[in-house]
Amino acid sequence: MNLIKKLAATAIFTASLIFTGCGQAQIGSVDVDKVMAEAPRVKTLLAEAESKVKEAEQKFEQDSANKDNMTEEEFAKVQMDFQRKLEGINQAYATQIRNRMDVVIEEISREKNIDVVINNPKEERMIFHGAIDVTDEVIKKMQ
């Protein structure tokens, strides 16, 4: 999986050099893991999601409390509804976070005339020098 990420990043980097002229592209990097851990807006959204998950769990517990009085099909439906609810919550909040991060990264890219921004996590550095690290700016703007 890591190899695939590195190959994709290399392909994006190479394509950006071809389209913008060799050596003239501005490359940005962001540590998405750090943004997810430190950005205030992400923390707020994750707390909201956790609250929704707890509500769904309580409803599931209530609905499945009468398990002995349900057929296997009815209980399977309760479980499936719970799984769908969890997936919906996860997808909705992940989309909100991703969309907000995309908007912030795009704003910063325009401000700094950056052509490409690559996820460059601390544990798996692909670009060591020559890139503009915008991680802290993304965290600040994710209020």
Protein backbone atom coordinates (compact mmCIF):
# COMPACT_ATOMS: atom_id res chain seq x y z
CA MET A 1 0.00 0.00 0.00
CA ASN A 2 2.80 2.42 0.86
CA LEU A 3 4.48 1.64 -2.46
CA ILE A 4 1.28 2.56 -4.27
CA LYS A 5 1.11 5.90 -2.44
CA LYS A 6 4.73 6.65 -3.30
CA LEU A 7 4.24 5.72 -6.94
CA ALA A 8 1.13 7.91 -7.16
CA ALA A 9 2.95 10.83 -5.57
CA THR A 10 5.88 10.38 -7.94
CA ALA A 11 3.52 10.29 -10.92
CA ILE A 12 1.80 13.49 -9.78
CA PHE A 13 5.16 15.15 -9.21
CA THR A 14 6.45 14.08 -12.62
CA ALA A 15 3.29 15.20 -14.37
CA SER A 16 3.44 18.58 -12.65
CA LEU A 17 7.02 19.05 -13.84
CA ILE A 18 6.09 18.17 -17.41
CA PHE A 19 3.11 20.53 -17.50
CA THR A 20 4.76 23.47 -15.74
CA GLY A 21 8.25 23.26 -17.19
CA CYS A 22 11.11 21.32 -15.70
CA GLY A 23 12.31 22.73 -12.39
CA GLN A 24 9.74 25.51 -12.21
CA ALA A 25 6.96 23.74 -10.31
CA GLN A 26 6.28 24.69 -6.71
CA ILE A 27 5.67 21.57 -4.65
CA GLY A 28 3.88 21.68 -1.33
CA SER A 29 3.63 19.00 1.28
CA VAL A 30 1.17 18.40 4.08
CA ASP A 31 1.17 15.82 6.85
CA VAL A 32 -2.50 14.83 6.83
CA ASP A 33 -2.03 12.65 9.92
CA LYS A 34 -0.78 15.66 11.89
CA VAL A 35 -3.66 17.81 10.60
CA MET A 36 -6.14 15.12 11.66
CA ALA A 37 -4.58 14.98 15.14
CA GLU A 38 -4.18 18.71 15.79
CA ALA A 39 -6.67 20.78 13.76
CA PRO A 40 -9.40 22.26 15.97
CA ARG A 41 -12.14 21.84 13.35
CA VAL A 42 -11.24 18.18 12.86
CA LYS A 43 -11.37 17.59 16.61
CA THR A 44 -14.81 19.23 16.76
CA LEU A 45 -16.14 17.15 13.89
CA LEU A 46 -14.71 13.95 15.36
CA ALA A 47 -16.35 14.74 18.71
CA GLU A 48 -19.69 15.30 16.94
CA ALA A 49 -19.28 12.02 15.09
CA GLU A 50 -18.46 10.20 18.32
CA SER A 51 -21.60 11.64 19.90
CA LYS A 52 -23.71 10.45 16.95
CA VAL A 53 -22.12 6.99 17.21
CA LYS A 54 -22.99 6.81 20.91
CA GLU A 55 -26.59 7.77 20.12
CA ALA A 56 -26.74 5.05 17.47
CA GLU A 57 -25.26 2.52 19.91
CA GLN A 58 -27.88 3.42 22.54
CA LYS A 59 -30.66 3.03 19.98
CA PHE A 60 -29.21 -0.32 18.90
CA GLU A 61 -29.11 -1.49 22.52
CA GLN A 62 -32.73 -0.43 22.98
CA ASP A 63 -33.83 -2.08 19.73
CA SER A 64 -31.94 -5.28 20.48
CA ALA A 65 -33.00 -5.47 24.14
CA ASN A 66 -35.93 -7.64 23.09
CA LYS A 67 -33.69 -10.00 21.15
CA ASP A 68 -35.39 -13.02 22.69
CA ASN A 69 -38.74 -11.87 21.29
CA MET A 70 -37.36 -11.33 17.76
CA THR A 71 -36.91 -13.72 14.92
CA GLU A 72 -33.42 -14.12 13.51
CA GLU A 73 -34.47 -12.05 10.49
CA GLU A 74 -35.75 -9.20 12.66
CA PHE A 75 -32.58 -9.13 14.72
CA ALA A 76 -30.45 -9.27 11.55
CA LYS A 77 -32.40 -6.26 10.26
CA VAL A 78 -31.73 -4.35 13.50
CA GLN A 79 -28.02 -5.16 13.16
CA MET A 80 -27.95 -4.13 9.49
CA ASP A 81 -29.72 -0.86 10.29
CA PHE A 82 -27.14 -0.16 12.99
CA GLN A 83 -24.26 -0.93 10.61
CA ARG A 84 -25.76 1.35 7.95
CA LYS A 85 -26.18 4.12 10.50
CA LEU A 86 -22.54 3.81 11.59
CA GLU A 87 -21.32 3.80 7.99
CA GLY A 88 -23.46 6.86 7.21
CA ILE A 89 -22.07 8.76 10.19
CA ASN A 90 -18.51 7.79 9.27
CA GLN A 91 -18.93 8.76 5.63
CA ALA A 92 -20.67 12.05 6.38
CA TYR A 93 -18.03 13.27 8.80
CA ALA A 94 -15.11 11.97 6.73
CA THR A 95 -16.52 13.87 3.74
CA GLN A 96 -16.89 17.07 5.77
CA ILE A 97 -13.31 16.84 7.01
CA ARG A 98 -11.91 15.99 3.58
CA ASN A 99 -13.87 18.79 1.88
CA ARG A 100 -12.78 21.38 4.44
CA MET A 101 -9.16 20.26 4.20
CA ASP A 102 -9.30 20.43 0.39
CA VAL A 103 -10.65 24.00 0.52
CA VAL A 104 -7.94 25.09 2.99
CA ILE A 105 -5.15 23.44 0.99
CA GLU A 106 -6.44 25.07 -2.19
CA GLU A 107 -6.48 28.51 -0.51
CA ILE A 108 -2.93 28.08 0.77
CA SER A 109 -1.79 26.80 -2.63
CA ARG A 110 -3.14 29.91 -4.34
CA GLU A 111 -1.59 32.22 -1.74
CA LYS A 112 1.84 30.60 -2.10
CA ASN A 113 1.64 29.80 -5.84
CA ILE A 114 2.04 26.09 -5.17
CA ASP A 115 1.30 23.83 -8.14
CA VAL A 116 0.99 20.48 -6.34
CA VAL A 117 0.46 19.55 -2.70
CA ILE A 118 1.40 16.01 -1.71
CA ASN A 119 0.55 14.15 1.48
CA ASN A 120 3.94 13.76 3.11
CA PRO A 121 3.46 12.08 6.52
CA LYS A 122 6.34 12.20 8.98
CA GLU A 123 6.64 8.41 9.13
CA GLU A 124 6.79 7.96 5.34
CA ARG A 125 8.58 11.04 3.99
CA MET A 126 8.67 11.15 0.20
CA ILE A 127 9.98 14.69 -0.17
CA PHE A 128 12.74 15.78 2.17
CA HIS A 129 13.75 19.17 0.80
CA GLY A 130 12.55 21.48 -1.88
CA ALA A 131 8.89 21.29 -0.92
CA ILE A 132 6.97 23.93 0.99
CA ASP A 133 5.51 22.35 4.12
CA VAL A 134 2.03 23.80 4.63
CA THR A 135 0.94 21.47 7.45
CA ASP A 136 0.97 24.08 10.23
CA GLU A 137 -0.89 26.58 8.04
CA VAL A 138 -3.56 23.99 7.25
CA ILE A 139 -3.95 23.29 10.98
CA LYS A 140 -4.33 27.02 11.74
CA LYS A 141 -6.92 27.51 9.01
CA MET A 142 -8.91 24.45 10.07
CA GLN A 143 -10.61 26.40 12.86
